[in-house]
Structures are given as C-alpha cells and as structure tokens.
Amino acid sequence: MQHDTETGTTQDSPRAFGWCAWHKGHAENVRLIDVHEQGSGVGGNLFACEPCRETHRLVPLADRPL
C-alpha cells in the first residue's frame, strides 16, 4: 500500500503569522525587514507582510546581499 506523505508545496522561505509593522495588523507570511538594536532605548524587530513588502518595496533582511 502506498501513502502520500507530501501535504503541500515547497517554498524557498518559511511562512509565519505575526504583526506587520507597516499596516499595523496581524498577517500571514511576515518576514523580518529591520532590527533595531537596543542601545540606551527600546530595541525590537520590524516585520512586514507580503502586500506591504510589495507596496513599499521592502526587502527582507535574509534576502539582502552581505
């Protein structure tokens, strides 16, 4: 008996659900855009969803050249 073990399509990057800092709401497929390191103030990470990345021409941190 043969079983189908593949449940979906393969993508280059993982999908995540989180907060989009650009439209200020929850969204699927958010990617890390910028990291604000903590010096003397508040640090944090900025994530953006796919529609906001396209609209604002944002490049995810992992996709930028070194």
C-alpha atoms as a PDB file:
ATOM      1  CA  MET A   1       0.000   0.000   0.000  1.00  0.00           C
ATOM      2  CA  GLN A   2       1.373   3.396  -0.992  1.00  0.00           C
ATOM      3  CA  HIS A   3       0.903   6.515   1.182  1.00  0.00           C
ATOM      4  CA  ASP A   4       1.134  10.107   0.016  1.00  0.00           C
ATOM      5  CA  THR A   5       3.380  11.885   2.530  1.00  0.00           C
ATOM      6  CA  GLU A   6       3.603  15.244   0.765  1.00  0.00           C
ATOM      7  CA  THR A   7       0.996  17.619   2.163  1.00  0.00           C
ATOM      8  CA  GLY A   8       1.732  20.882   0.341  1.00  0.00           C
ATOM      9  CA  THR A   9       4.009  22.821  -1.936  1.00  0.00           C
ATOM     10  CA  THR A  10       7.624  23.553  -1.144  1.00  0.00           C
ATOM     11  CA  GLN A  11       8.679  27.173  -0.788  1.00  0.00           C
ATOM     12  CA  ASP A  12      12.061  28.856  -0.512  1.00  0.00           C
ATOM     13  CA  SER A  13      11.209  30.593   2.748  1.00  0.00           C
ATOM     14  CA  PRO A  14       9.110  29.634   5.738  1.00  0.00           C
ATOM     15  CA  ARG A  15       5.678  31.187   6.245  1.00  0.00           C
ATOM     16  CA  ALA A  16       4.892  32.896   9.512  1.00  0.00           C
ATOM     17  CA  PHE A  17       1.951  34.597  11.165  1.00  0.00           C
ATOM     18  CA  GLY A  18       2.688  37.776  13.079  1.00  0.00           C
ATOM     19  CA  TRP A  19       2.442  41.546  13.333  1.00  0.00           C
ATOM     20  CA  CYS A  20       3.099  43.718  10.261  1.00  0.00           C
ATOM     21  CA  ALA A  21       4.715  46.978  11.371  1.00  0.00           C
ATOM     22  CA  TRP A  22       3.677  48.746   8.153  1.00  0.00           C
ATOM     23  CA  HIS A  23      -0.099  48.286   8.170  1.00  0.00           C
ATOM     24  CA  LYS A  24      -0.100  47.708  11.956  1.00  0.00           C
ATOM     25  CA  GLY A  25      -2.085  44.488  11.970  1.00  0.00           C
ATOM     26  CA  HIS A  26      -1.796  40.717  12.105  1.00  0.00           C
ATOM     27  CA  ALA A  27      -0.888  38.998   8.848  1.00  0.00           C
ATOM     28  CA  GLU A  28       0.346  35.760   7.329  1.00  0.00           C
ATOM     29  CA  ASN A  29       3.720  35.364   5.664  1.00  0.00           C
ATOM     30  CA  VAL A  30       5.512  38.117   7.595  1.00  0.00           C
ATOM     31  CA  ARG A  31       9.255  38.462   7.048  1.00  0.00           C
ATOM     32  CA  LEU A  32      11.903  40.284   9.090  1.00  0.00           C
ATOM     33  CA  ILE A  33      12.737  43.627   7.477  1.00  0.00           C
ATOM     34  CA  ASP A  34      14.782  45.516  10.073  1.00  0.00           C
ATOM     35  CA  VAL A  35      16.331  45.043  13.505  1.00  0.00           C
ATOM     36  CA  HIS A  36      16.519  47.929  15.956  1.00  0.00           C
ATOM     37  CA  GLU A  37      19.277  47.040  18.362  1.00  0.00           C
ATOM     38  CA  GLN A  38      18.911  48.065  21.961  1.00  0.00           C
ATOM     39  CA  GLY A  39      21.373  50.758  22.991  1.00  0.00           C
ATOM     40  CA  SER A  40      20.046  53.140  25.567  1.00  0.00           C
ATOM     41  CA  GLY A  41      16.485  52.793  24.299  1.00  0.00           C
ATOM     42  CA  VAL A  42      13.974  50.199  23.258  1.00  0.00           C
ATOM     43  CA  GLY A  43      15.065  47.605  20.707  1.00  0.00           C
ATOM     44  CA  GLY A  44      12.888  45.443  18.508  1.00  0.00           C
ATOM     45  CA  ASN A  45      12.312  43.785  15.168  1.00  0.00           C
ATOM     46  CA  LEU A  46      10.166  45.055  12.308  1.00  0.00           C
ATOM     47  CA  PHE A  47       8.244  42.513  10.239  1.00  0.00           C
ATOM     48  CA  ALA A  48       6.206  43.116   7.070  1.00  0.00           C
ATOM     49  CA  CYS A  49       3.574  41.058   5.252  1.00  0.00           C
ATOM     50  CA  GLU A  50       3.786  40.298   1.534  1.00  0.00           C
ATOM     51  CA  PRO A  51       1.376  43.044   0.358  1.00  0.00           C
ATOM     52  CA  CYS A  52       3.264  45.678   2.387  1.00  0.00           C
ATOM     53  CA  ARG A  53       6.631  44.395   1.125  1.00  0.00           C
ATOM     54  CA  GLU A  54       5.420  44.814  -2.443  1.00  0.00           C
ATOM     55  CA  THR A  55       3.759  48.206  -1.873  1.00  0.00           C
ATOM     56  CA  HIS A  56       6.714  49.727  -0.009  1.00  0.00           C
ATOM     57  CA  ARG A  57       9.408  47.793  -1.931  1.00  0.00           C
ATOM     58  CA  LEU A  58      10.788  46.258   1.248  1.00  0.00           C
ATOM     59  CA  VAL A  59      13.496  43.619   1.002  1.00  0.00           C
ATOM     60  CA  PRO A  60      13.592  41.035   3.805  1.00  0.00           C
ATOM     61  CA  LEU A  61      16.809  41.034   5.810  1.00  0.00           C
ATOM     62  CA  ALA A  62      17.591  37.412   4.818  1.00  0.00           C
ATOM     63  CA  ASP A  63      17.335  38.273   1.099  1.00  0.00           C
ATOM     64  CA  ARG A  64      19.797  41.198   1.173  1.00  0.00           C
ATOM     65  CA  PRO A  65      23.337  40.740  -0.097  1.00  0.00           C
ATOM     66  CA  LEU A  66      26.085  40.595   2.532  1.00  0.00           C
END
